[in-house]
Amino acid sequence: MKQKVIVLLSGGMDSVTALYHAVENYEVLSGLSFDYGSKHNHKEIPFAKWHCERFNIPHQVVEAKFIGELFTSSLLIGDEKIPEGHYEDEVMKKTVVPFRNGIMLSIACGYAESIGASGVLIAAHSGDHAIYPDCRNDFMQAMGEAMRLGTYEGIELLAPFVKIDKTEIARIGNSLGLDFAQTWSCYKGHDLHCGLCGTCIERKEAFALAGLDDPTVYG
């Protein structure tokens, strides 16, 4: 019997690959997205819904607008402009939303236990480690222990990509038949991917290094 899990699903290429990976290896009870006031939520979340519908998986959206109202990050609506440059550049730290994964995983943990899932799957990967402290392996281990200890069912945190990079994620998604054109990365949230922000640059690099055609239309 496969383990029952929920998947944190933004609609980006990492989390959608995580969903496809989960469908192959687990029984997925739900995809869970968060509308937290980022500049690109409105572009990502429809893709999250699209992929859940493909697999007939329930899709839930958590309204978490308090993050956009109380926190400071260039990623959020109303704050400063999204910086351009490589993902690992110091300036990209401006895109960090403080403790975002900690908040989302806490909610996901409670939701998982409530619907009978025993695991929560997140797509954090090694490329995030440089600037996002709540994507690193030591954080995931600590958060996973807190989730296990804080639930009757001992909810497990699953982070299958935490030691690999986006290039390998692109290869995995491709092998699972994922149409990457049906994903969104750009932090600016305009009609097209800008091609200049850190996550756009990382997206381009991932396809190039994986030897895959990039289906993304850049403005």
Protein backbone atom coordinates (compact mmCIF):
# COMPACT_ATOMS: atom_id res chain seq x y z
CA MET A 1 0.00 0.00 0.00
CA LYS A 2 1.39 3.38 -1.00
CA GLN A 3 1.90 6.10 1.58
CA LYS A 4 -0.76 8.83 1.48
CA VAL A 5 0.72 12.31 1.02
CA ILE A 6 -0.10 15.88 0.13
CA VAL A 7 2.16 17.98 -2.10
CA LEU A 8 3.06 21.64 -1.63
CA LEU A 9 2.32 22.91 -5.12
CA SER A 10 3.12 26.44 -6.21
CA GLY A 11 2.76 25.83 -9.94
CA GLY A 12 6.48 26.29 -10.62
CA MET A 13 8.61 23.72 -12.42
CA ASP A 14 10.08 22.31 -9.18
CA SER A 15 6.82 21.74 -7.33
CA VAL A 16 5.02 20.41 -10.40
CA THR A 17 7.87 17.93 -10.93
CA ALA A 18 7.44 16.99 -7.26
CA LEU A 19 3.75 16.35 -7.93
CA TYR A 20 4.56 14.04 -10.86
CA HIS A 21 7.18 12.28 -8.72
CA ALA A 22 4.61 11.86 -5.95
CA VAL A 23 2.00 10.45 -8.33
CA GLU A 24 4.54 7.78 -9.32
CA ASN A 25 5.53 6.87 -5.78
CA TYR A 26 2.70 7.72 -3.39
CA GLU A 27 -1.06 8.09 -3.13
CA VAL A 28 -1.55 11.84 -3.49
CA LEU A 29 -4.58 13.09 -1.56
CA SER A 30 -4.19 16.78 -2.39
CA GLY A 31 -2.12 19.50 -3.96
CA LEU A 32 -1.80 22.50 -1.63
CA SER A 33 -1.10 26.01 -2.92
CA PHE A 34 -0.70 29.27 -0.99
CA ASP A 35 -1.91 32.66 -2.17
CA TYR A 36 0.30 34.79 0.06
CA GLY A 37 0.47 38.07 -1.81
CA SER A 38 3.43 37.46 -4.09
CA LYS A 39 3.73 39.23 -7.42
CA HIS A 40 3.45 35.94 -9.30
CA ASN A 41 0.83 33.96 -7.33
CA HIS A 42 -1.80 34.77 -9.97
CA LYS A 43 0.42 33.25 -12.68
CA GLU A 44 1.52 30.13 -10.78
CA ILE A 45 -1.63 28.92 -9.05
CA PRO A 46 -3.67 28.24 -12.24
CA PHE A 47 -0.90 25.89 -13.37
CA ALA A 48 -0.99 24.10 -10.02
CA LYS A 49 -4.73 23.58 -10.51
CA TRP A 50 -4.22 22.43 -14.11
CA HIS A 51 -1.82 19.66 -13.14
CA CYS A 52 -3.97 18.49 -10.24
CA GLU A 53 -6.94 18.24 -12.58
CA ARG A 54 -4.86 16.16 -14.98
CA PHE A 55 -4.45 13.52 -12.28
CA ASN A 56 -7.90 14.03 -10.74
CA ILE A 57 -6.28 15.19 -7.49
CA PRO A 58 -8.09 17.71 -5.26
CA HIS A 59 -6.44 21.14 -5.30
CA GLN A 60 -6.68 23.43 -2.28
CA VAL A 61 -5.61 27.07 -2.11
CA VAL A 62 -4.80 28.58 1.29
CA GLU A 63 -5.43 32.31 1.49
CA ALA A 64 -2.42 33.62 3.41
CA LYS A 65 -2.58 37.33 2.58
CA PHE A 66 -1.26 38.17 6.06
CA ILE A 67 2.20 37.33 4.72
CA GLY A 68 1.97 40.06 2.11
CA GLU A 69 0.55 42.47 4.65
CA LEU A 70 3.00 41.88 7.51
CA PHE A 71 6.25 40.64 5.94
CA THR A 72 8.91 42.43 3.91
CA SER A 73 10.24 40.99 0.64
CA SER A 74 10.64 42.24 -2.92
CA LEU A 75 8.65 39.14 -3.91
CA LEU A 76 5.50 40.61 -2.36
CA ILE A 77 3.03 42.99 -3.96
CA GLY A 78 3.71 46.59 -2.99
CA ASP A 79 7.33 46.12 -1.95
CA GLU A 80 10.36 47.07 -4.04
CA LYS A 81 11.01 45.80 -7.56
CA ILE A 82 12.24 42.27 -8.18
CA PRO A 83 16.05 42.38 -8.60
CA GLU A 84 17.61 41.06 -11.78
CA GLY A 85 20.69 38.85 -11.92
CA HIS A 86 21.79 35.34 -11.06
CA TYR A 87 19.90 33.44 -8.38
CA GLU A 88 22.99 33.19 -6.17
CA ASP A 89 23.79 36.91 -6.28
CA GLU A 90 23.65 38.70 -2.92
CA VAL A 91 20.94 41.03 -4.20
CA MET A 92 18.57 38.06 -4.61
CA LYS A 93 18.28 37.81 -0.83
CA LYS A 94 15.72 40.60 -1.22
CA THR A 95 13.34 37.96 -2.61
CA VAL A 96 13.37 35.91 0.61
CA VAL A 97 9.97 35.81 2.32
CA PRO A 98 10.89 35.28 6.00
CA PHE A 99 10.20 31.72 7.20
CA ARG A 100 7.81 31.09 4.30
CA ASN A 101 8.43 27.35 4.16
CA GLY A 102 8.12 27.05 7.93
CA ILE A 103 4.68 28.68 7.81
CA MET A 104 3.50 26.69 4.81
CA LEU A 105 4.76 23.38 6.17
CA SER A 106 3.05 24.02 9.51
CA ILE A 107 -0.28 24.54 7.77
CA ALA A 108 0.33 21.62 5.43
CA CYS A 109 1.16 19.37 8.38
CA GLY A 110 -2.16 20.12 10.10
CA TYR A 111 -4.03 19.69 6.82
CA ALA A 112 -2.31 16.36 6.12
CA GLU A 113 -3.24 14.92 9.49
CA SER A 114 -6.81 16.19 9.08
CA ILE A 115 -7.38 14.36 5.78
CA GLY A 116 -5.60 11.14 6.62
CA ALA A 117 -2.25 11.71 4.91
CA SER A 118 0.94 10.62 6.65
CA GLY A 119 3.39 12.70 4.62
CA VAL A 120 3.94 16.20 3.23
CA LEU A 121 6.11 16.51 0.13
CA ILE A 122 8.02 19.68 -0.71
CA ALA A 123 10.21 20.47 -3.73
CA ALA A 124 13.06 22.36 -2.03
CA HIS A 125 16.34 21.71 -3.88
CA SER A 126 20.05 22.44 -3.57
CA GLY A 127 19.91 25.47 -5.84
CA ASP A 128 17.80 27.24 -3.21
CA HIS A 129 20.37 26.74 -0.46
CA ALA A 130 22.49 29.81 -1.20
CA ILE A 131 19.85 32.39 -0.28
CA TYR A 132 16.89 30.57 1.27
CA PRO A 133 17.65 29.28 4.79
CA ASP A 134 14.29 27.52 5.01
CA CYS A 135 15.11 25.37 1.96
CA ARG A 136 18.31 23.86 3.37
CA ASN A 137 18.66 20.25 4.44
CA ASP A 138 19.29 21.05 8.11
CA PHE A 139 16.09 23.11 8.23
CA MET A 140 14.13 20.35 6.53
CA GLN A 141 15.43 17.81 9.03
CA ALA A 142 14.52 20.02 11.99
CA MET A 143 11.11 20.90 10.57
CA GLY A 144 10.45 17.26 9.79
CA GLU A 145 11.23 16.30 13.36
CA ALA A 146 8.88 19.01 14.65
CA MET A 147 6.11 17.75 12.37
CA ARG A 148 6.63 14.18 13.49
CA LEU A 149 6.67 15.07 17.16
CA GLY A 150 3.77 17.50 16.93
CA THR A 151 1.22 15.11 15.39
CA TYR A 152 -0.48 11.95 16.59
CA GLU A 153 0.20 10.30 13.24
CA GLY A 154 3.88 11.34 13.15
CA ILE A 155 3.52 13.25 9.88
CA GLU A 156 6.63 12.77 7.72
CA LEU A 157 8.28 15.57 5.77
CA LEU A 158 9.41 14.33 2.36
CA ALA A 159 11.96 16.44 0.48
CA PRO A 160 13.15 14.21 -2.37
CA PHE A 161 14.98 16.98 -4.25
CA VAL A 162 16.79 18.65 -1.34
CA LYS A 163 20.21 17.31 -2.42
CA ILE A 164 19.84 17.75 -6.18
CA ASP A 165 19.72 20.84 -8.39
CA LYS A 166 17.20 22.28 -10.83
CA THR A 167 18.97 20.70 -13.79
CA GLU A 168 18.29 17.25 -12.39
CA ILE A 169 14.72 18.29 -11.58
CA ALA A 170 14.26 19.27 -15.24
CA ARG A 171 15.50 15.82 -16.28
CA ILE A 172 13.16 14.09 -13.82
CA GLY A 173 10.16 16.10 -14.94
CA ASN A 174 10.94 15.42 -18.57
CA SER A 175 11.22 11.69 -17.91
CA LEU A 176 7.78 11.77 -16.26
CA GLY A 177 6.15 13.46 -19.24
CA LEU A 178 5.74 16.90 -17.68
CA ASP A 179 4.94 19.73 -20.09
CA PHE A 180 7.09 22.50 -18.64
CA ALA A 181 5.23 25.07 -20.73
CA GLN A 182 2.45 24.52 -18.19
CA THR A 183 4.56 25.87 -15.32
CA TRP A 184 5.54 29.35 -14.16
CA SER A 185 8.80 30.62 -12.65
CA CYS A 186 9.17 34.38 -13.16
CA TYR A 187 8.96 36.40 -9.94
CA LYS A 188 7.72 39.52 -11.74
CA GLY A 189 4.37 37.96 -12.67
CA HIS A 190 3.92 39.77 -15.99
CA ASP A 191 2.29 38.27 -19.09
CA LEU A 192 5.54 36.56 -20.12
CA HIS A 193 8.61 35.35 -18.23
CA CYS A 194 11.03 38.30 -18.02
CA GLY A 195 14.14 36.17 -18.60
CA LEU A 196 16.19 38.46 -16.35
CA CYS A 197 15.26 37.74 -12.74
CA GLY A 198 17.10 35.08 -10.77
CA THR A 199 14.49 32.39 -11.14
CA CYS A 200 14.17 32.97 -14.90
CA ILE A 201 17.93 32.70 -15.30
CA GLU A 202 17.99 29.52 -13.22
CA ARG A 203 15.14 28.10 -15.33
CA LYS A 204 17.06 28.81 -18.56
CA GLU A 205 20.23 27.24 -17.13
CA ALA A 206 18.37 24.13 -15.98
CA PHE A 207 17.02 23.33 -19.44
CA ALA A 208 20.33 24.13 -21.13
CA LEU A 209 22.41 22.00 -18.76
CA ALA A 210 19.87 19.17 -18.93
CA GLY A 211 20.08 19.22 -22.74
CA LEU A 212 16.35 19.92 -23.06
CA ASP A 213 14.47 22.38 -25.22
CA ASP A 214 13.18 25.31 -23.19
CA PRO A 215 9.48 25.75 -23.99
CA THR A 216 9.28 29.05 -22.10
CA VAL A 217 8.37 32.26 -23.96
CA TYR A 218 10.46 35.13 -22.57
CA GLY A 219 9.51 38.79 -22.94
